[in-house]
C-alpha atoms as a PDB file:
ATOM      1  CA  MET A   1     177.158 111.814  81.340  1.00  0.00           C
ATOM      2  CA  GLU A   2     176.287 114.660  78.091  1.00  0.00           C
ATOM      3  CA  VAL A   3     175.873 114.452  74.604  1.00  0.00           C
ATOM      4  CA  LEU A   4     177.261 118.053  73.205  1.00  0.00           C
ATOM      5  CA  GLU A   5     177.239 118.008  69.752  1.00  0.00           C
ATOM      6  CA  TYR A   6     176.369 115.782  66.468  1.00  0.00           C
ATOM      7  CA  GLY A   7     177.187 115.651  62.928  1.00  0.00           C
ATOM      8  CA  PRO A   8     174.008 114.092  61.694  1.00  0.00           C
ATOM      9  CA  HIS A   9     174.675 109.908  61.124  1.00  0.00           C
ATOM     10  CA  ALA A  10     178.374 110.715  61.341  1.00  0.00           C
ATOM     11  CA  TRP A  11     179.462 111.329  65.412  1.00  0.00           C
ATOM     12  CA  TYR A  12     178.467 112.501  68.625  1.00  0.00           C
ATOM     13  CA  LEU A  13     180.754 114.575  71.001  1.00  0.00           C
ATOM     14  CA  LEU A  14     179.932 113.658  74.757  1.00  0.00           C
ATOM     15  CA  LYS A  15     181.081 115.046  77.921  1.00  0.00           C
ATOM     16  CA  ASP A  16     181.644 113.414  81.573  1.00  0.00           C
ATOM     17  CA  GLY A  17     183.415 115.941  84.099  1.00  0.00           C
ATOM     18  CA  GLN A  18     187.037 116.880  82.379  1.00  0.00           C
ATOM     19  CA  GLN A  19     186.595 113.871  79.590  1.00  0.00           C
ATOM     20  CA  LEU A  20     185.496 114.321  75.855  1.00  0.00           C
ATOM     21  CA  TYR A  21     184.233 111.343  74.263  1.00  0.00           C
ATOM     22  CA  LEU A  22     183.766 110.863  70.179  1.00  0.00           C
ATOM     23  CA  ASP A  23     181.424 108.190  69.111  1.00  0.00           C
ATOM     24  CA  VAL A  24     181.652 107.769  65.551  1.00  0.00           C
ATOM     25  CA  ASN A  25     179.286 105.690  63.110  1.00  0.00           C
ATOM     26  CA  CYS A  26     181.186 103.284  61.205  1.00  0.00           C
ATOM     27  CA  ASN A  27     180.066 101.699  57.850  1.00  0.00           C
ATOM     28  CA  HIS A  28     181.292  99.883  55.791  1.00  0.00           C
ATOM     29  CA  SER A  29     179.711  97.400  52.943  1.00  0.00           C
ATOM     30  CA  PHE A  30     180.265  94.428  55.207  1.00  0.00           C
ATOM     31  CA  ALA A  31     180.039  96.173  58.808  1.00  0.00           C
ATOM     32  CA  TYR A  32     178.087  98.992  60.904  1.00  0.00           C
ATOM     33  CA  TYR A  33     179.208  99.683  64.161  1.00  0.00           C
ATOM     34  CA  GLY A  34     179.882 102.407  66.376  1.00  0.00           C
ATOM     35  CA  PHE A  35     183.529 103.438  67.654  1.00  0.00           C
ATOM     36  CA  THR A  36     183.620 104.765  70.537  1.00  0.00           C
ATOM     37  CA  MET A  37     187.254 107.112  71.707  1.00  0.00           C
ATOM     38  CA  ARG A  38     188.371 109.659  74.301  1.00  0.00           C
ATOM     39  CA  LEU A  39     189.744 112.235  72.784  1.00  0.00           C
ATOM     40  CA  ASN A  40     193.722 113.311  73.635  1.00  0.00           C
ATOM     41  CA  SER A  41     194.374 116.843  74.785  1.00  0.00           C
ATOM     42  CA  ASP A  42     195.564 117.705  70.908  1.00  0.00           C
ATOM     43  CA  GLU A  43     192.011 116.516  69.526  1.00  0.00           C
ATOM     44  CA  ALA A  44     190.292 118.726  72.722  1.00  0.00           C
ATOM     45  CA  ALA A  45     192.097 121.734  71.846  1.00  0.00           C
ATOM     46  CA  LYS A  46     191.652 121.303  68.251  1.00  0.00           C
ATOM     47  CA  TYR A  47     188.125 120.984  68.998  1.00  0.00           C
ATOM     48  CA  ARG A  48     187.464 123.833  70.793  1.00  0.00           C
ATOM     49  CA  ARG A  49     189.009 126.101  68.539  1.00  0.00           C
ATOM     50  CA  ARG A  50     187.564 124.583  65.354  1.00  0.00           C
ATOM     51  CA  GLY A  51     184.397 122.954  66.627  1.00  0.00           C
ATOM     52  CA  GLY A  52     182.494 120.966  64.718  1.00  0.00           C
ATOM     53  CA  PRO A  53     184.561 121.417  60.977  1.00  0.00           C
ATOM     54  CA  TYR A  54     187.147 119.499  63.319  1.00  0.00           C
ATOM     55  CA  LEU A  55     185.496 116.691  64.308  1.00  0.00           C
ATOM     56  CA  ASP A  56     183.866 116.120  60.921  1.00  0.00           C
ATOM     57  CA  GLU A  57     187.126 115.135  59.904  1.00  0.00           C
ATOM     58  CA  LEU A  58     188.354 113.820  62.729  1.00  0.00           C
ATOM     59  CA  ALA A  59     185.819 110.839  62.205  1.00  0.00           C
ATOM     60  CA  HIS A  60     186.545 110.782  58.151  1.00  0.00           C
ATOM     61  CA  ALA A  61     189.629 109.305  59.507  1.00  0.00           C
ATOM     62  CA  VAL A  62     188.423 106.879  62.178  1.00  0.00           C
ATOM     63  CA  GLN A  63     185.790 105.670  60.079  1.00  0.00           C
ATOM     64  CA  TYR A  64     188.125 105.257  56.350  1.00  0.00           C
ATOM     65  CA  SER A  65     191.019 103.536  59.000  1.00  0.00           C
ATOM     66  CA  ALA A  66     188.368 100.986  60.134  1.00  0.00           C
ATOM     67  CA  PRO A  67     189.539 100.662  63.361  1.00  0.00           C
ATOM     68  CA  GLY A  68     186.649  98.051  64.291  1.00  0.00           C
ATOM     69  CA  VAL A  69     187.804  95.121  60.979  1.00  0.00           C
ATOM     70  CA  SER A  70     189.675  91.552  62.010  1.00  0.00           C
ATOM     71  CA  GLY A  71     193.083  92.881  60.878  1.00  0.00           C
ATOM     72  CA  SER A  72     193.092  96.473  60.523  1.00  0.00           C
ATOM     73  CA  ARG A  73     195.963  98.714  61.236  1.00  0.00           C
ATOM     74  CA  SER A  74     193.894 101.846  62.216  1.00  0.00           C
ATOM     75  CA  ILE A  75     195.927 104.123  64.528  1.00  0.00           C
ATOM     76  CA  TYR A  76     192.593 104.710  66.575  1.00  0.00           C
ATOM     77  CA  THR A  77     191.760 100.480  67.133  1.00  0.00           C
ATOM     78  CA  ASP A  78     193.671 100.580  70.536  1.00  0.00           C
ATOM     79  CA  ARG A  79     191.733 103.661  71.676  1.00  0.00           C
ATOM     80  CA  LEU A  80     188.289 102.196  71.365  1.00  0.00           C
ATOM     81  CA  ALA A  81     186.419 103.121  74.654  1.00  0.00           C
ATOM     82  CA  ALA A  82     185.847 100.272  77.268  1.00  0.00           C
ATOM     83  CA  PRO A  83     182.716  98.477  77.536  1.00  0.00           C
ATOM     84  CA  GLU A  84     181.329 100.161  80.227  1.00  0.00           C
ATOM     85  CA  ILE A  85     182.566 104.051  78.806  1.00  0.00           C
ATOM     86  CA  THR A  86     180.838 102.590  75.787  1.00  0.00           C
ATOM     87  CA  ALA A  87     177.828 101.958  77.283  1.00  0.00           C
ATOM     88  CA  GLU A  88     177.834 105.138  79.236  1.00  0.00           C
ATOM     89  CA  VAL A  89     177.752 106.691  75.886  1.00  0.00           C
ATOM     90  CA  ASN A  90     175.298 104.805  74.358  1.00  0.00           C
ATOM     91  CA  ASN A  91     172.739 105.132  77.191  1.00  0.00           C
ATOM     92  CA  ALA A  92     173.090 109.362  77.160  1.00  0.00           C
ATOM     93  CA  ILE A  93     172.873 109.342  73.338  1.00  0.00           C
ATOM     94  CA  LYS A  94     169.493 107.425  73.441  1.00  0.00           C
ATOM     95  CA  LEU A  95     168.248 109.927  76.401  1.00  0.00           C
ATOM     96  CA  TRP A  96     169.667 112.613  74.106  1.00  0.00           C
ATOM     97  CA  LEU A  97     167.511 111.667  70.850  1.00  0.00           C
ATOM     98  CA  ALA A  98     164.523 110.658  72.824  1.00  0.00           C
ATOM     99  CA  ARG A  99     164.073 114.361  73.927  1.00  0.00           C
ATOM    100  CA  GLY A 100     163.990 115.255  70.847  1.00  0.00           C
END
């Protein structure tokens, strides 16, 4: 698992083999949490075409849909990565940040 790109204070893009994961920093007035999801083939293709600006848009959509809030009707809620993937993502981000 490695960090490929990041949007300051908003998201990290990571790669594990052929899989791309987006870790979004969600911040609501009452909650702050990370939300990690695997990019689907359509999202991955849009990223390859448009790069970081597409991830800015996708992260914004995830953030404002509030997928981690109880009762949310976010279309992203069911895409939350498994806990072991989230742990790998968090470790990769920590290592990346430590390298500066």
